């Protein structure tokens, strides 16, 4: 009985450590994903900005092109993440499902009693 109690306490301590680590991994994963999305949006905005410059250079004197160019430049500003100062993204929700993805195999975000750590 004493051995079972100690094993349960150790399992709970380990679970708390693993959950704290899972939360940190979740945050890092979320930040990295946010950064990738920003970089892709920036790359797209830069490409479209170059295209707009080429459009203006070739056809900027045409009124029908000017309307399209005006809309396109406004769109580029809306999608460019550097149109405003970047800030740290909010932390993701540490839901059971989200944390489960960052726990070692055999452990459950539901609690230490659900761990199949054998």
Foldseek 3Di string as FASTA:
>chain_A
DVVVVVVLVVLQVVLVVQLVVLLVVLQVVVQVVVVVQLVVLQVVLVVLVVVLVVLCVVPVVDPVSVVVSVVSNVVSCVSNPVVDDDDRDDRDPSDQVSSQVRGDPQCGSVGSVSGRPD
